[in-house]
C-alpha atoms as a PDB file:
ATOM      1  CA  UNK A   1      89.818 106.927  92.785  1.00  0.00           C
ATOM      2  CA  UNK A   2      90.704 106.872  96.475  1.00  0.00           C
ATOM      3  CA  UNK A   3      88.972 105.358  99.453  1.00  0.00           C
ATOM      4  CA  UNK A   4      88.981 107.096 102.830  1.00  0.00           C
ATOM      5  CA  UNK A   5      92.369 106.847 104.579  1.00  0.00           C
ATOM      6  CA  UNK A   6      92.883 104.134 107.172  1.00  0.00           C
ATOM      7  CA  UNK A   7      95.924 103.913 109.464  1.00  0.00           C
ATOM      8  CA  UNK A   8      97.579 106.819 107.621  1.00  0.00           C
ATOM      9  CA  UNK A   9      97.309 105.052 104.269  1.00  0.00           C
ATOM     10  CA  UNK A  10      95.328 106.394 101.332  1.00  0.00           C
ATOM     11  CA  UNK A  11      94.133 103.500  99.124  1.00  0.00           C
ATOM     12  CA  UNK A  12      94.223 104.223  95.393  1.00  0.00           C
ATOM     13  CA  UNK A  13      91.822 102.127  93.308  1.00  0.00           C
ATOM     14  CA  UNK A  14      91.442 101.425  89.621  1.00  0.00           C
ATOM     15  CA  UNK A  15      87.923 100.863  88.338  1.00  0.00           C
ATOM     16  CA  UNK A  16      87.623  99.261  84.929  1.00  0.00           C
ATOM     17  CA  UNK A  17      84.042  98.869  83.748  1.00  0.00           C
ATOM     18  CA  UNK A  18      85.024  97.755  80.253  1.00  0.00           C
ATOM     19  CA  UNK A  19      85.060  94.199  78.908  1.00  0.00           C
ATOM     20  CA  UNK A  20      88.844  94.247  78.457  1.00  0.00           C
ATOM     21  CA  UNK A  21      91.828  94.313  80.783  1.00  0.00           C
ATOM     22  CA  UNK A  22      93.521  97.709  80.561  1.00  0.00           C
ATOM     23  CA  UNK A  23      97.141  98.600  81.210  1.00  0.00           C
ATOM     24  CA  UNK A  24      97.340 101.948  83.031  1.00  0.00           C
ATOM     25  CA  UNK A  25     100.318 104.220  83.612  1.00  0.00           C
ATOM     26  CA  UNK A  26      99.542 106.392  86.641  1.00  0.00           C
ATOM     27  CA  UNK A  27     100.965 109.191  88.783  1.00  0.00           C
ATOM     28  CA  UNK A  28      99.689 110.744  92.000  1.00  0.00           C
ATOM     29  CA  UNK A  29     100.920 114.257  92.845  1.00  0.00           C
ATOM     30  CA  UNK A  30     100.507 115.959  96.231  1.00  0.00           C
ATOM     31  CA  UNK A  31      99.553 119.641  95.976  1.00  0.00           C
ATOM     32  CA  UNK A  32     101.321 121.011  99.076  1.00  0.00           C
ATOM     33  CA  UNK A  33     104.808 120.251  97.712  1.00  0.00           C
ATOM     34  CA  UNK A  34     103.983 119.358  94.068  1.00  0.00           C
ATOM     35  CA  UNK A  35     105.721 116.016  94.626  1.00  0.00           C
ATOM     36  CA  UNK A  36     104.860 112.849  92.697  1.00  0.00           C
ATOM     37  CA  UNK A  37     104.276 110.454  95.569  1.00  0.00           C
ATOM     38  CA  UNK A  38     103.120 107.379  93.653  1.00  0.00           C
ATOM     39  CA  UNK A  39     103.602 106.216  90.097  1.00  0.00           C
ATOM     40  CA  UNK A  40     103.714 103.032  88.146  1.00  0.00           C
ATOM     41  CA  UNK A  41     102.062 100.741  85.658  1.00  0.00           C
ATOM     42  CA  UNK A  42      99.046  98.688  86.634  1.00  0.00           C
ATOM     43  CA  UNK A  43      96.934  96.119  84.814  1.00  0.00           C
ATOM     44  CA  UNK A  44      93.274  96.872  85.620  1.00  0.00           C
ATOM     45  CA  UNK A  45      91.221  93.706  85.132  1.00  0.00           C
ATOM     46  CA  UNK A  46      87.976  94.089  83.170  1.00  0.00           C
ATOM     47  CA  UNK A  47      84.666  94.573  85.007  1.00  0.00           C
ATOM     48  CA  UNK A  48      86.353  95.141  88.343  1.00  0.00           C
ATOM     49  CA  UNK A  49      87.572  97.508  91.013  1.00  0.00           C
ATOM     50  CA  UNK A  50      90.906  96.769  92.654  1.00  0.00           C
ATOM     51  CA  UNK A  51      93.517  98.449  94.779  1.00  0.00           C
ATOM     52  CA  UNK A  52      96.534  99.857  92.930  1.00  0.00           C
ATOM     53  CA  UNK A  53      98.587 100.977  95.943  1.00  0.00           C
ATOM     54  CA  UNK A  54      98.439 102.503  99.420  1.00  0.00           C
ATOM     55  CA  UNK A  55      99.845 106.023  99.703  1.00  0.00           C
ATOM     56  CA  UNK A  56     101.312 107.001 103.093  1.00  0.00           C
ATOM     57  CA  UNK A  57      99.818 110.229 104.448  1.00  0.00           C
ATOM     58  CA  UNK A  58     100.290 112.310 107.576  1.00  0.00           C
ATOM     59  CA  UNK A  59      97.918 112.050 110.520  1.00  0.00           C
ATOM     60  CA  UNK A  60      94.967 114.481 110.072  1.00  0.00           C
ATOM     61  CA  UNK A  61      96.484 116.115 107.005  1.00  0.00           C
ATOM     62  CA  UNK A  62      94.444 118.281 104.678  1.00  0.00           C
ATOM     63  CA  UNK A  63      95.916 118.038 101.213  1.00  0.00           C
ATOM     64  CA  UNK A  64      94.907 117.713  97.586  1.00  0.00           C
ATOM     65  CA  UNK A  65      96.020 114.718  95.524  1.00  0.00           C
ATOM     66  CA  UNK A  66      95.986 114.888  91.729  1.00  0.00           C
ATOM     67  CA  UNK A  67      95.593 111.483  90.080  1.00  0.00           C
ATOM     68  CA  UNK A  68      96.465 111.098  86.412  1.00  0.00           C
ATOM     69  CA  UNK A  69      96.602 108.006  84.251  1.00  0.00           C
ATOM     70  CA  UNK A  70      96.972 107.003  80.634  1.00  0.00           C
ATOM     71  CA  UNK A  71      95.198 103.964  79.291  1.00  0.00           C
ATOM     72  CA  UNK A  72      96.632 101.458  76.836  1.00  0.00           C
ATOM     73  CA  UNK A  73      95.337 103.606  73.951  1.00  0.00           C
ATOM     74  CA  UNK A  74      97.332 106.616  75.181  1.00  0.00           C
ATOM     75  CA  UNK A  75      94.288 108.571  76.386  1.00  0.00           C
ATOM     76  CA  UNK A  76      94.902 110.782  79.423  1.00  0.00           C
ATOM     77  CA  UNK A  77      92.436 110.818  82.332  1.00  0.00           C
ATOM     78  CA  UNK A  78      92.470 112.503  85.721  1.00  0.00           C
ATOM     79  CA  UNK A  79      90.731 112.732  89.067  1.00  0.00           C
ATOM     80  CA  UNK A  80      91.515 114.144  92.492  1.00  0.00           C
ATOM     81  CA  UNK A  81      91.110 113.481  96.188  1.00  0.00           C
ATOM     82  CA  UNK A  82      91.247 115.838  99.175  1.00  0.00           C
ATOM     83  CA  UNK A  83      92.071 114.325 102.566  1.00  0.00           C
ATOM     84  CA  UNK A  84      89.905 115.285 105.551  1.00  0.00           C
ATOM     85  CA  UNK A  85      87.488 117.320 103.453  1.00  0.00           C
ATOM     86  CA  UNK A  86      85.556 118.764 106.421  1.00  0.00           C
ATOM     87  CA  UNK A  87      86.482 122.424 106.951  1.00  0.00           C
ATOM     88  CA  UNK A  88      88.937 122.533 104.044  1.00  0.00           C
ATOM     89  CA  UNK A  89      90.593 125.754 102.968  1.00  0.00           C
ATOM     90  CA  UNK A  90      88.477 126.695  99.939  1.00  0.00           C
ATOM     91  CA  UNK A  91      91.179 128.976  98.492  1.00  0.00           C
ATOM     92  CA  UNK A  92      93.716 126.131  98.659  1.00  0.00           C
ATOM     93  CA  UNK A  93      91.250 123.787  96.983  1.00  0.00           C
ATOM     94  CA  UNK A  94      90.597 126.254  94.151  1.00  0.00           C
ATOM     95  CA  UNK A  95      94.355 126.870  93.762  1.00  0.00           C
ATOM     96  CA  UNK A  96      94.908 123.127  93.402  1.00  0.00           C
ATOM     97  CA  UNK A  97      92.157 122.849  90.798  1.00  0.00           C
ATOM     98  CA  UNK A  98      93.734 125.718  88.884  1.00  0.00           C
ATOM     99  CA  UNK A  99      97.276 124.258  89.057  1.00  0.00           C
ATOM    100  CA  UNK A 100      96.088 121.001  87.534  1.00  0.00           C
ATOM    101  CA  UNK A 101      93.760 122.667  84.986  1.00  0.00           C
ATOM    102  CA  UNK A 102      90.677 121.234  86.675  1.00  0.00           C
ATOM    103  CA  UNK A 103      88.945 124.569  87.276  1.00  0.00           C
ATOM    104  CA  UNK A 104      86.837 124.610  84.115  1.00  0.00           C
ATOM    105  CA  UNK A 105      83.444 123.342  85.206  1.00  0.00           C
ATOM    106  CA  UNK A 106      81.053 122.116  82.520  1.00  0.00           C
ATOM    107  CA  UNK A 107      77.773 120.235  82.194  1.00  0.00           C
ATOM    108  CA  UNK A 108      75.899 122.116  84.914  1.00  0.00           C
END
């Protein structure tokens, strides 16, 4: 997940609430240009939350970030973050959800 940006940096965190350290392979893709802007391998310590990296962003940008990771068992997971969420372009947001196959809402 991401924390709120500070000084034009978007902190990406790993949260591991299991009892075992987990090796994660992650990518972060920016919607506006479909560019992978962060990727790597990270060891997420058990029962903890820790910063993975800081992603440079533009001042006052409004963009969608797709976060995907695979755990050490090969399972794929995903999340997203939208910078400066107040007054976002709803059509852009829905387009981003559709691009990354996140537009199927369940459990409501």
